[in-house]
Amino acid sequence: MKNSDVRVCAIEHGVRMWELADQLGISPETLSRKLRRELPPEEKERMIQAIQTIAVRRW
Protein backbone atom coordinates (compact mmCIF):
# COMPACT_ATOMS: atom_id res chain seq x y z
CA MET A 1 0.00 0.00 0.00
CA LYS A 2 1.28 3.44 -0.87
CA ASN A 3 2.37 5.70 2.00
CA SER A 4 1.81 2.95 4.53
CA ASP A 5 4.13 4.67 7.02
CA VAL A 6 1.83 7.72 7.13
CA ARG A 7 -1.27 5.53 7.39
CA VAL A 8 0.21 3.36 10.16
CA CYS A 9 1.34 6.42 12.11
CA ALA A 10 -2.18 7.83 11.97
CA ILE A 11 -3.69 4.55 13.17
CA GLU A 12 -1.15 4.20 15.99
CA HIS A 13 -1.92 7.71 17.22
CA GLY A 14 -5.69 7.37 16.79
CA VAL A 15 -5.83 10.19 14.25
CA ARG A 16 -8.49 10.08 11.57
CA MET A 17 -7.68 11.11 8.03
CA TRP A 18 -10.14 14.01 8.12
CA GLU A 19 -8.32 15.35 11.19
CA LEU A 20 -5.00 15.12 9.36
CA ALA A 21 -6.47 16.89 6.34
CA ASP A 22 -7.83 19.64 8.58
CA GLN A 23 -4.43 20.08 10.27
CA LEU A 24 -2.75 20.30 6.84
CA GLY A 25 -5.33 22.81 5.59
CA ILE A 26 -6.61 20.61 2.76
CA SER A 27 -9.85 18.77 2.13
CA PRO A 28 -10.16 15.09 3.05
CA GLU A 29 -10.67 14.32 -0.63
CA THR A 30 -7.38 16.01 -1.53
CA LEU A 31 -5.57 14.05 1.17
CA SER A 32 -7.04 10.83 -0.14
CA ARG A 33 -5.84 11.63 -3.67
CA LYS A 34 -2.36 12.53 -2.41
CA LEU A 35 -2.03 9.24 -0.56
CA ARG A 36 -2.76 7.22 -3.71
CA ARG A 37 0.78 7.83 -5.00
CA GLU A 38 4.00 7.52 -3.06
CA LEU A 39 4.85 10.92 -1.57
CA PRO A 40 8.27 12.56 -1.40
CA PRO A 41 10.01 12.06 1.97
CA GLU A 42 9.61 15.74 2.88
CA GLU A 43 5.84 15.63 2.46
CA LYS A 44 5.58 12.38 4.40
CA GLU A 45 7.55 13.92 7.24
CA ARG A 46 5.24 16.94 7.26
CA MET A 47 2.22 14.64 7.53
CA ILE A 48 3.78 12.58 10.31
CA GLN A 49 4.58 15.75 12.26
CA ALA A 50 0.97 16.89 11.80
CA ILE A 51 -0.27 13.54 13.12
CA GLN A 52 1.97 13.87 16.17
CA THR A 53 0.76 17.44 16.75
CA ILE A 54 -2.86 16.27 16.73
CA ALA A 55 -2.06 13.41 19.11
CA VAL A 56 -0.23 15.71 21.56
CA ARG A 57 -3.13 18.18 21.63
CA ARG A 58 -5.48 15.42 22.72
CA TRP A 59 -3.48 14.66 25.83
C-alpha atoms as a PDB file:
ATOM      1  CA  MET A   1       0.000   0.000   0.000  1.00  0.00           C
ATOM      2  CA  LYS A   2       1.281   3.443  -0.868  1.00  0.00           C
ATOM      3  CA  ASN A   3       2.373   5.704   2.003  1.00  0.00           C
ATOM      4  CA  SER A   4       1.814   2.952   4.529  1.00  0.00           C
ATOM      5  CA  ASP A   5       4.129   4.671   7.024  1.00  0.00           C
ATOM      6  CA  VAL A   6       1.833   7.718   7.130  1.00  0.00           C
ATOM      7  CA  ARG A   7      -1.270   5.535   7.392  1.00  0.00           C
ATOM      8  CA  VAL A   8       0.206   3.357  10.157  1.00  0.00           C
ATOM      9  CA  CYS A   9       1.340   6.416  12.106  1.00  0.00           C
ATOM     10  CA  ALA A  10      -2.185   7.834  11.969  1.00  0.00           C
ATOM     11  CA  ILE A  11      -3.687   4.554  13.166  1.00  0.00           C
ATOM     12  CA  GLU A  12      -1.151   4.199  15.995  1.00  0.00           C
ATOM     13  CA  HIS A  13      -1.916   7.713  17.224  1.00  0.00           C
ATOM     14  CA  GLY A  14      -5.688   7.367  16.787  1.00  0.00           C
ATOM     15  CA  VAL A  15      -5.827  10.193  14.251  1.00  0.00           C
ATOM     16  CA  ARG A  16      -8.488  10.076  11.571  1.00  0.00           C
ATOM     17  CA  MET A  17      -7.683  11.107   8.026  1.00  0.00           C
ATOM     18  CA  TRP A  18     -10.144  14.007   8.120  1.00  0.00           C
ATOM     19  CA  GLU A  19      -8.319  15.355  11.192  1.00  0.00           C
ATOM     20  CA  LEU A  20      -4.997  15.119   9.365  1.00  0.00           C
ATOM     21  CA  ALA A  21      -6.469  16.890   6.337  1.00  0.00           C
ATOM     22  CA  ASP A  22      -7.826  19.641   8.577  1.00  0.00           C
ATOM     23  CA  GLN A  23      -4.429  20.084  10.270  1.00  0.00           C
ATOM     24  CA  LEU A  24      -2.747  20.303   6.841  1.00  0.00           C
ATOM     25  CA  GLY A  25      -5.325  22.809   5.587  1.00  0.00           C
ATOM     26  CA  ILE A  26      -6.606  20.608   2.763  1.00  0.00           C
ATOM     27  CA  SER A  27      -9.850  18.772   2.127  1.00  0.00           C
ATOM     28  CA  PRO A  28     -10.161  15.091   3.049  1.00  0.00           C
ATOM     29  CA  GLU A  29     -10.666  14.317  -0.627  1.00  0.00           C
ATOM     30  CA  THR A  30      -7.376  16.006  -1.531  1.00  0.00           C
ATOM     31  CA  LEU A  31      -5.566  14.055   1.173  1.00  0.00           C
ATOM     32  CA  SER A  32      -7.041  10.829  -0.140  1.00  0.00           C
ATOM     33  CA  ARG A  33      -5.838  11.630  -3.665  1.00  0.00           C
ATOM     34  CA  LYS A  34      -2.356  12.535  -2.408  1.00  0.00           C
ATOM     35  CA  LEU A  35      -2.034   9.237  -0.560  1.00  0.00           C
ATOM     36  CA  ARG A  36      -2.760   7.218  -3.712  1.00  0.00           C
ATOM     37  CA  ARG A  37       0.775   7.832  -4.998  1.00  0.00           C
ATOM     38  CA  GLU A  38       3.998   7.523  -3.058  1.00  0.00           C
ATOM     39  CA  LEU A  39       4.848  10.921  -1.567  1.00  0.00           C
ATOM     40  CA  PRO A  40       8.270  12.555  -1.403  1.00  0.00           C
ATOM     41  CA  PRO A  41      10.011  12.063   1.968  1.00  0.00           C
ATOM     42  CA  GLU A  42       9.607  15.744   2.882  1.00  0.00           C
ATOM     43  CA  GLU A  43       5.840  15.632   2.457  1.00  0.00           C
ATOM     44  CA  LYS A  44       5.578  12.376   4.401  1.00  0.00           C
ATOM     45  CA  GLU A  45       7.555  13.921   7.244  1.00  0.00           C
ATOM     46  CA  ARG A  46       5.240  16.941   7.258  1.00  0.00           C
ATOM     47  CA  MET A  47       2.216  14.637   7.535  1.00  0.00           C
ATOM     48  CA  ILE A  48       3.780  12.580  10.312  1.00  0.00           C
ATOM     49  CA  GLN A  49       4.576  15.749  12.256  1.00  0.00           C
ATOM     50  CA  ALA A  50       0.970  16.894  11.802  1.00  0.00           C
ATOM     51  CA  ILE A  51      -0.268  13.537  13.120  1.00  0.00           C
ATOM     52  CA  GLN A  52       1.971  13.870  16.165  1.00  0.00           C
ATOM     53  CA  THR A  53       0.756  17.437  16.751  1.00  0.00           C
ATOM     54  CA  ILE A  54      -2.864  16.267  16.727  1.00  0.00           C
ATOM     55  CA  ALA A  55      -2.062  13.413  19.113  1.00  0.00           C
ATOM     56  CA  VAL A  56      -0.228  15.712  21.561  1.00  0.00           C
ATOM     57  CA  ARG A  57      -3.125  18.180  21.630  1.00  0.00           C
ATOM     58  CA  ARG A  58      -5.484  15.422  22.717  1.00  0.00           C
ATOM     59  CA  TRP A  59      -3.475  14.657  25.834  1.00  0.00           C
END
